Amino acid sequence: MTPIITTPWTRIIEYPDNHLNDFCLFHALDSRWHGIGIMGTGSWESERSLFHCSSSLLFGPYETHEPLLVNLGQGATANKAPQKHAPFVVIREGMYHLFFRRPWGTNLLLTSPTLFDWPTEPVVVLDRSRRNLFCGWCSRKREGLCLR
């Protein structure tokens, strides 16, 4: 079956002077729709933070919030490229779990009770640059991430 587009394409999220890419939309615990995704100027090198916006309606208008992960700590991710890719959010037991990827193959996790205050040190949940792959949640050696 081939999808059919029944309405004109509409931009629902705007960040003037920024290129938005690779984002997720989700309905949060505050009963608002939130968008979190890559923000930059259009080059791979500029993708160093994530945008965050929210709206009471899926199709907006969206209110823009301060960018996320601008001052992310290096800790376990020292010597990794600073870009942030492929963000997605899991809501579980009143907590937000923000997963994202850093080149080359390092998947990270930040957990917070709000969508506005994130820790500065992420947990490494998967590091494909290491020979022995390891899940940061269950502490077992495995090829992928274990979602509990």
N, C-alpha and C. Protein backbone atom coordinates (compact mmCIF):
# COMPACT_ATOMS: atom_id res chain seq x y z
N MET A 1 0.84 -1.17 0.00
CA MET A 1 0.00 0.00 0.00
C MET A 1 0.89 1.25 0.00
N THR A 2 0.59 2.20 -0.84
CA THR A 2 1.36 3.43 -0.95
C THR A 2 0.65 4.54 -0.17
N PRO A 3 1.38 5.24 0.71
CA PRO A 3 0.75 6.35 1.43
C PRO A 3 0.30 7.44 0.45
N ILE A 4 -0.76 8.11 0.81
CA ILE A 4 -1.29 9.20 0.00
C ILE A 4 -1.27 10.47 0.83
N ILE A 5 -0.71 11.53 0.29
CA ILE A 5 -0.69 12.83 0.97
C ILE A 5 -2.01 13.53 0.63
N THR A 6 -2.81 13.81 1.64
CA THR A 6 -4.14 14.37 1.40
C THR A 6 -4.24 15.87 1.64
N THR A 7 -3.20 16.46 2.20
CA THR A 7 -3.20 17.91 2.45
C THR A 7 -1.88 18.49 1.99
N PRO A 8 -1.84 19.79 1.77
CA PRO A 8 -0.56 20.41 1.40
C PRO A 8 0.45 20.29 2.54
N TRP A 9 1.74 20.24 2.18
CA TRP A 9 2.81 20.19 3.17
C TRP A 9 2.80 21.50 3.94
N THR A 10 2.92 21.41 5.25
CA THR A 10 2.89 22.59 6.11
C THR A 10 4.03 22.53 7.11
N ARG A 11 4.79 23.60 7.22
CA ARG A 11 5.83 23.68 8.25
C ARG A 11 5.14 24.06 9.55
N ILE A 12 5.33 23.27 10.60
CA ILE A 12 4.68 23.57 11.88
C ILE A 12 5.65 24.09 12.93
N ILE A 13 6.96 23.91 12.70
CA ILE A 13 7.95 24.36 13.67
C ILE A 13 8.93 25.29 12.96
N GLU A 14 9.12 26.47 13.52
CA GLU A 14 10.01 27.48 12.94
C GLU A 14 11.07 27.91 13.96
N TYR A 15 12.29 27.92 13.55
CA TYR A 15 13.39 28.53 14.31
C TYR A 15 14.15 29.39 13.31
N PRO A 16 13.83 30.68 13.21
CA PRO A 16 14.49 31.53 12.22
C PRO A 16 16.02 31.44 12.31
N ASP A 17 16.65 31.43 11.15
CA ASP A 17 18.12 31.38 11.01
C ASP A 17 18.72 30.05 11.45
N ASN A 18 17.89 29.02 11.62
CA ASN A 18 18.42 27.70 11.98
C ASN A 18 17.87 26.65 11.05
N HIS A 19 18.68 25.65 10.78
CA HIS A 19 18.26 24.50 10.00
C HIS A 19 17.83 23.42 11.00
N LEU A 20 16.61 22.92 10.89
CA LEU A 20 16.10 21.89 11.79
C LEU A 20 16.11 20.56 11.06
N ASN A 21 16.45 19.50 11.79
CA ASN A 21 16.64 18.22 11.16
C ASN A 21 16.37 17.11 12.17
N ASP A 22 15.94 15.96 11.70
CA ASP A 22 15.95 14.73 12.48
C ASP A 22 15.33 14.92 13.87
N PHE A 23 14.01 15.14 13.92
CA PHE A 23 13.40 15.43 15.21
C PHE A 23 12.26 14.47 15.53
N CYS A 24 11.84 14.49 16.79
CA CYS A 24 10.70 13.69 17.22
C CYS A 24 9.64 14.62 17.80
N LEU A 25 8.39 14.26 17.59
CA LEU A 25 7.25 14.94 18.20
C LEU A 25 6.60 13.97 19.15
N PHE A 26 6.21 14.43 20.34
CA PHE A 26 5.58 13.53 21.30
C PHE A 26 4.66 14.32 22.21
N HIS A 27 3.66 13.63 22.72
CA HIS A 27 2.69 14.22 23.64
C HIS A 27 3.20 13.95 25.05
N ALA A 28 3.52 15.01 25.78
CA ALA A 28 4.20 14.88 27.07
C ALA A 28 3.22 14.84 28.24
N LEU A 29 3.77 14.65 29.42
CA LEU A 29 2.97 14.57 30.65
C LEU A 29 2.27 15.88 30.97
N ASP A 30 2.74 16.99 30.41
CA ASP A 30 2.09 18.28 30.64
C ASP A 30 0.93 18.52 29.66
N SER A 31 0.54 17.48 28.93
CA SER A 31 -0.56 17.52 27.95
C SER A 31 -0.26 18.43 26.76
N ARG A 32 1.01 18.71 26.52
CA ARG A 32 1.41 19.52 25.37
C ARG A 32 2.21 18.65 24.41
N TRP A 33 2.22 19.05 23.16
CA TRP A 33 3.07 18.42 22.16
C TRP A 33 4.44 19.08 22.24
N HIS A 34 5.49 18.26 22.22
CA HIS A 34 6.86 18.77 22.27
C HIS A 34 7.61 18.25 21.04
N GLY A 35 8.48 19.10 20.52
CA GLY A 35 9.38 18.71 19.45
C GLY A 35 10.81 18.90 19.93
N ILE A 36 11.63 17.88 19.72
CA ILE A 36 13.06 17.95 20.06
C ILE A 36 13.81 17.40 18.86
N GLY A 37 14.81 18.15 18.39
CA GLY A 37 15.56 17.69 17.23
C GLY A 37 16.84 18.46 17.02
N ILE A 38 17.55 18.10 15.97
CA ILE A 38 18.84 18.70 15.65
C ILE A 38 18.64 20.14 15.20
N MET A 39 19.49 21.02 15.71
CA MET A 39 19.47 22.42 15.29
C MET A 39 20.88 22.81 14.86
N GLY A 40 20.97 23.47 13.73
CA GLY A 40 22.26 23.94 13.24
C GLY A 40 22.05 24.96 12.15
N THR A 41 23.08 25.15 11.35
CA THR A 41 22.99 26.10 10.25
C THR A 41 22.90 25.41 8.90
N GLY A 42 22.91 24.10 8.89
CA GLY A 42 22.82 23.35 7.64
C GLY A 42 24.02 22.47 7.38
N SER A 43 25.13 22.71 8.09
CA SER A 43 26.31 21.85 7.91
C SER A 43 26.38 20.83 9.05
N TRP A 44 26.99 19.70 8.77
CA TRP A 44 27.14 18.65 9.77
C TRP A 44 27.87 19.18 11.00
N GLU A 45 28.87 20.00 10.78
CA GLU A 45 29.68 20.52 11.89
C GLU A 45 28.87 21.40 12.83
N SER A 46 27.77 21.99 12.35
CA SER A 46 27.00 22.92 13.18
C SER A 46 25.97 22.22 14.07
N GLU A 47 25.77 20.93 13.92
CA GLU A 47 24.73 20.21 14.64
C GLU A 47 25.18 19.87 16.06
N ARG A 48 25.32 20.89 16.90
CA ARG A 48 25.89 20.73 18.24
C ARG A 48 24.88 20.92 19.37
N SER A 49 23.63 21.22 19.04
CA SER A 49 22.60 21.35 20.06
C SER A 49 21.28 20.85 19.51
N LEU A 50 20.31 20.73 20.38
CA LEU A 50 18.98 20.27 19.99
C LEU A 50 17.98 21.40 20.22
N PHE A 51 17.04 21.55 19.31
CA PHE A 51 15.98 22.52 19.54
C PHE A 51 14.90 21.89 20.40
N HIS A 52 14.12 22.72 21.05
CA HIS A 52 12.99 22.26 21.87
C HIS A 52 11.86 23.26 21.69
N CYS A 53 10.69 22.78 21.39
CA CYS A 53 9.51 23.64 21.25
C CYS A 53 8.30 22.87 21.76
N SER A 54 7.20 23.58 22.02
CA SER A 54 5.99 22.92 22.49
C SER A 54 4.75 23.68 22.07
N SER A 55 3.63 22.98 22.04
CA SER A 55 2.35 23.56 21.66
C SER A 55 1.22 22.75 22.29
N SER A 56 0.11 23.40 22.54
CA SER A 56 -1.06 22.67 23.05
C SER A 56 -1.74 21.88 21.93
N LEU A 57 -1.44 22.24 20.68
CA LEU A 57 -2.03 21.57 19.52
C LEU A 57 -0.94 20.95 18.66
N LEU A 58 -1.20 19.79 18.10
CA LEU A 58 -0.20 19.11 17.29
C LEU A 58 0.29 19.98 16.13
N PHE A 59 -0.60 20.69 15.47
CA PHE A 59 -0.20 21.49 14.33
C PHE A 59 0.12 22.94 14.69
N GLY A 60 0.34 23.21 15.97
CA GLY A 60 0.84 24.49 16.43
C GLY A 60 -0.23 25.54 16.63
N PRO A 61 0.23 26.74 16.89
CA PRO A 61 1.61 27.23 16.77
C PRO A 61 2.50 26.73 17.91
N TYR A 62 3.80 26.59 17.61
CA TYR A 62 4.78 26.10 18.58
C TYR A 62 5.55 27.26 19.20
N GLU A 63 5.71 27.16 20.51
CA GLU A 63 6.52 28.11 21.27
C GLU A 63 7.94 27.55 21.33
N THR A 64 8.93 28.37 21.00
CA THR A 64 10.31 27.90 21.04
C THR A 64 10.86 28.07 22.46
N HIS A 65 11.69 27.11 22.86
CA HIS A 65 12.35 27.12 24.17
C HIS A 65 13.85 27.19 23.95
N GLU A 66 14.58 27.36 25.03
CA GLU A 66 16.04 27.40 24.93
C GLU A 66 16.56 26.09 24.32
N PRO A 67 17.60 26.15 23.47
CA PRO A 67 18.19 24.93 22.91
C PRO A 67 18.68 24.01 24.02
N LEU A 68 18.65 22.72 23.74
CA LEU A 68 19.08 21.71 24.70
C LEU A 68 20.51 21.24 24.39
N LEU A 69 21.21 20.83 25.41
CA LEU A 69 22.52 20.17 25.33
C LEU A 69 23.60 21.07 24.73
N VAL A 70 23.47 22.36 24.91
CA VAL A 70 24.47 23.30 24.40
C VAL A 70 25.79 23.10 25.13
N ASN A 71 25.74 22.87 26.44
CA ASN A 71 26.95 22.71 27.25
C ASN A 71 27.04 21.30 27.81
N LEU A 72 26.89 20.33 26.96
CA LEU A 72 26.97 18.94 27.38
C LEU A 72 28.37 18.60 27.84
N GLY A 73 28.47 17.96 29.00
CA GLY A 73 29.77 17.56 29.54
C GLY A 73 30.44 16.52 28.66
N GLN A 74 31.73 16.36 28.81
CA GLN A 74 32.48 15.39 28.01
C GLN A 74 32.61 14.05 28.72
N GLY A 75 32.95 14.05 29.99
CA GLY A 75 33.05 12.82 30.78
C GLY A 75 33.31 11.58 29.96
N ALA A 76 32.31 10.67 29.95
CA ALA A 76 32.45 9.39 29.26
C ALA A 76 32.50 9.56 27.75
N THR A 77 32.15 10.73 27.25
CA THR A 77 32.15 10.93 25.80
C THR A 77 33.31 11.79 25.32
N ALA A 78 34.33 11.93 26.16
CA ALA A 78 35.51 12.69 25.76
C ALA A 78 36.07 12.12 24.47
N ASN A 79 36.61 12.96 23.63
CA ASN A 79 37.20 12.58 22.35
C ASN A 79 36.17 12.10 21.33
N LYS A 80 34.90 12.35 21.56
CA LYS A 80 33.85 12.04 20.59
C LYS A 80 33.48 13.33 19.88
N ALA A 81 32.97 13.22 18.69
CA ALA A 81 32.52 14.40 17.95
C ALA A 81 31.38 15.06 18.73
N PRO A 82 31.29 16.39 18.70
CA PRO A 82 30.29 17.09 19.51
C PRO A 82 28.86 17.10 18.92
N GLN A 83 28.69 16.58 17.72
CA GLN A 83 27.37 16.62 17.11
C GLN A 83 26.39 15.72 17.86
N LYS A 84 25.11 16.10 17.77
CA LYS A 84 24.04 15.33 18.41
C LYS A 84 23.05 14.94 17.32
N HIS A 85 22.73 13.66 17.23
CA HIS A 85 21.87 13.15 16.16
C HIS A 85 20.77 12.25 16.72
N ALA A 86 19.72 12.09 15.92
CA ALA A 86 18.66 11.10 16.12
C ALA A 86 18.05 11.10 17.51
N PRO A 87 17.60 12.26 18.02
CA PRO A 87 17.01 12.27 19.36
C PRO A 87 15.63 11.64 19.38
N PHE A 88 15.33 10.93 20.46
CA PHE A 88 13.97 10.47 20.70
C PHE A 88 13.76 10.39 22.20
N VAL A 89 12.50 10.49 22.60
CA VAL A 89 12.15 10.55 24.01
C VAL A 89 11.24 9.39 24.36
N VAL A 90 11.54 8.74 25.48
CA VAL A 90 10.68 7.71 26.06
C VAL A 90 10.18 8.27 27.39
N ILE A 91 8.88 8.20 27.59
CA ILE A 91 8.29 8.64 28.86
C ILE A 91 7.92 7.39 29.64
N ARG A 92 8.48 7.26 30.84
CA ARG A 92 8.24 6.06 31.65
C ARG A 92 8.23 6.44 33.12
N GLU A 93 7.13 6.08 33.80
CA GLU A 93 6.99 6.29 35.23
C GLU A 93 7.31 7.73 35.64
N GLY A 94 6.77 8.69 34.89
CA GLY A 94 6.92 10.09 35.23
C GLY A 94 8.26 10.72 34.90
N MET A 95 9.11 9.99 34.20
CA MET A 95 10.43 10.51 33.83
C MET A 95 10.57 10.54 32.31
N TYR A 96 11.35 11.51 31.84
CA TYR A 96 11.66 11.62 30.42
C TYR A 96 13.06 11.06 30.20
N HIS A 97 13.18 10.18 29.23
CA HIS A 97 14.47 9.57 28.87
C HIS A 97 14.79 10.03 27.45
N LEU A 98 15.78 10.91 27.33
CA LEU A 98 16.19 11.46 26.03
C LEU A 98 17.39 10.68 25.53
N PHE A 99 17.18 9.95 24.45
CA PHE A 99 18.25 9.20 23.79
C PHE A 99 18.72 10.01 22.59
N PHE A 100 20.01 9.98 22.33
CA PHE A 100 20.54 10.62 21.13
C PHE A 100 21.87 9.97 20.80
N ARG A 101 22.36 10.23 19.62
CA ARG A 101 23.57 9.60 19.11
C ARG A 101 24.65 10.65 18.88
N ARG A 102 25.87 10.27 19.18
CA ARG A 102 27.04 11.09 18.84
C ARG A 102 27.89 10.27 17.87
N PRO A 103 28.47 10.92 16.88
CA PRO A 103 29.35 10.17 15.97
C PRO A 103 30.53 9.62 16.77
N TRP A 104 31.00 8.60 16.49
CA TRP A 104 30.68 7.55 15.54
C TRP A 104 30.12 6.36 16.30
N GLY A 105 28.83 6.28 16.42
CA GLY A 105 28.19 5.11 17.00
C GLY A 105 28.06 5.10 18.50
N THR A 106 28.08 6.24 19.16
CA THR A 106 27.90 6.29 20.61
C THR A 106 26.48 6.76 20.90
N ASN A 107 25.68 5.92 21.52
CA ASN A 107 24.31 6.29 21.90
C ASN A 107 24.30 6.68 23.36
N LEU A 108 23.67 7.83 23.64
CA LEU A 108 23.69 8.41 24.98
C LEU A 108 22.28 8.59 25.51
N LEU A 109 22.18 8.72 26.83
CA LEU A 109 20.90 8.87 27.50
C LEU A 109 21.00 9.93 28.59
N LEU A 110 20.00 10.81 28.61
CA LEU A 110 19.82 11.75 29.72
C LEU A 110 18.42 11.51 30.27
N THR A 111 18.26 11.57 31.59
CA THR A 111 16.98 11.33 32.24
C THR A 111 16.64 12.53 33.13
N SER A 112 15.37 12.96 33.04
CA SER A 112 14.95 14.13 33.81
C SER A 112 13.45 14.06 34.09
N PRO A 113 13.01 14.64 35.22
CA PRO A 113 11.57 14.72 35.48
C PRO A 113 10.89 15.84 34.69
N THR A 114 11.68 16.74 34.06
CA THR A 114 11.12 17.81 33.25
C THR A 114 11.78 17.79 31.87
N LEU A 115 11.19 18.49 30.95
CA LEU A 115 11.77 18.59 29.61
C LEU A 115 12.65 19.83 29.45
N PHE A 116 12.87 20.54 30.55
CA PHE A 116 13.62 21.79 30.49
C PHE A 116 14.95 21.75 31.24
N ASP A 117 15.12 20.82 32.16
CA ASP A 117 16.35 20.73 32.96
C ASP A 117 16.93 19.34 32.81
N TRP A 118 18.00 19.25 32.01
CA TRP A 118 18.64 17.96 31.77
C TRP A 118 20.00 17.94 32.44
N PRO A 119 20.45 16.76 32.90
CA PRO A 119 21.81 16.67 33.45
C PRO A 119 22.83 17.01 32.35
N THR A 120 24.02 17.39 32.75
CA THR A 120 25.05 17.71 31.76
C THR A 120 25.94 16.51 31.42
N GLU A 121 25.86 15.45 32.20
CA GLU A 121 26.66 14.25 31.91
C GLU A 121 25.75 13.13 31.44
N PRO A 122 25.81 12.74 30.19
CA PRO A 122 24.98 11.64 29.71
C PRO A 122 25.54 10.29 30.12
N VAL A 123 24.66 9.30 30.09
CA VAL A 123 25.05 7.91 30.32
C VAL A 123 25.28 7.29 28.94
N VAL A 124 26.39 6.60 28.77
CA VAL A 124 26.64 5.89 27.52
C VAL A 124 25.87 4.58 27.57
N VAL A 125 24.91 4.43 26.65
CA VAL A 125 24.13 3.19 26.63
C VAL A 125 24.64 2.22 25.57
N LEU A 126 25.35 2.74 24.59
CA LEU A 126 25.93 1.86 23.57
C LEU A 126 27.09 2.59 22.92
N ASP A 127 28.23 1.95 22.87
CA ASP A 127 29.40 2.53 22.23
C ASP A 127 29.92 1.55 21.19
N ARG A 128 29.55 1.78 19.94
CA ARG A 128 29.93 0.86 18.86
C ARG A 128 31.41 0.96 18.51
N SER A 129 32.10 1.96 19.03
CA SER A 129 33.52 2.05 18.75
C SER A 129 34.31 1.08 19.64
N ARG A 130 33.66 0.56 20.68
CA ARG A 130 34.32 -0.41 21.56
C ARG A 130 34.10 -1.80 21.02
N ARG A 131 35.03 -2.66 21.25
CA ARG A 131 34.93 -4.03 20.74
C ARG A 131 33.83 -4.81 21.46
N ASN A 132 33.73 -4.65 22.77
CA ASN A 132 32.71 -5.35 23.55
C ASN A 132 31.53 -4.41 23.78
N LEU A 133 30.45 -4.64 23.07
CA LEU A 133 29.28 -3.79 23.22
C LEU A 133 28.59 -4.08 24.54
N PHE A 134 28.02 -3.04 25.13
CA PHE A 134 27.59 -3.12 26.50
C PHE A 134 26.38 -2.21 26.67
N CYS A 135 25.32 -2.71 27.27
CA CYS A 135 24.11 -1.92 27.49
C CYS A 135 24.25 -1.14 28.80
N GLY A 136 24.09 0.18 28.74
CA GLY A 136 24.24 1.03 29.92
C GLY A 136 23.11 0.91 30.91
N TRP A 137 21.98 0.33 30.49
CA TRP A 137 20.86 0.18 31.42
C TRP A 137 20.92 -1.12 32.19
N CYS A 138 21.18 -2.22 31.50
CA CYS A 138 21.12 -3.51 32.19
C CYS A 138 22.50 -4.06 32.50
N SER A 139 23.55 -3.40 32.03
CA SER A 139 24.95 -3.77 32.29
C SER A 139 25.34 -5.12 31.70
N ARG A 140 24.61 -5.60 30.71
CA ARG A 140 24.97 -6.85 30.06
C ARG A 140 25.59 -6.58 28.70
N LYS A 141 26.45 -7.47 28.29
CA LYS A 141 27.05 -7.37 26.97
C LYS A 141 25.98 -7.76 25.95
N ARG A 142 25.76 -6.89 24.95
CA ARG A 142 24.76 -7.18 23.92
C ARG A 142 25.01 -6.30 22.71
N GLU A 143 24.33 -6.59 21.61
CA GLU A 143 24.49 -5.83 20.37
C GLU A 143 23.66 -4.57 20.34
N GLY A 144 22.62 -4.46 21.12
CA GLY A 144 21.75 -3.29 21.05
C GLY A 144 21.35 -2.80 22.43
N LEU A 145 20.43 -1.89 22.44
CA LEU A 145 19.98 -1.31 23.69
C LEU A 145 18.80 -2.08 24.24
N CYS A 146 18.83 -2.35 25.51
CA CYS A 146 17.76 -3.05 26.20
C CYS A 146 16.80 -2.01 26.78
N LEU A 147 15.55 -2.02 26.37
CA LEU A 147 14.56 -1.13 26.96
C LEU A 147 13.78 -1.91 27.99
N ARG A 148 13.87 -1.48 29.25
CA ARG A 148 13.18 -2.18 30.31
C ARG A 148 11.75 -1.71 30.41
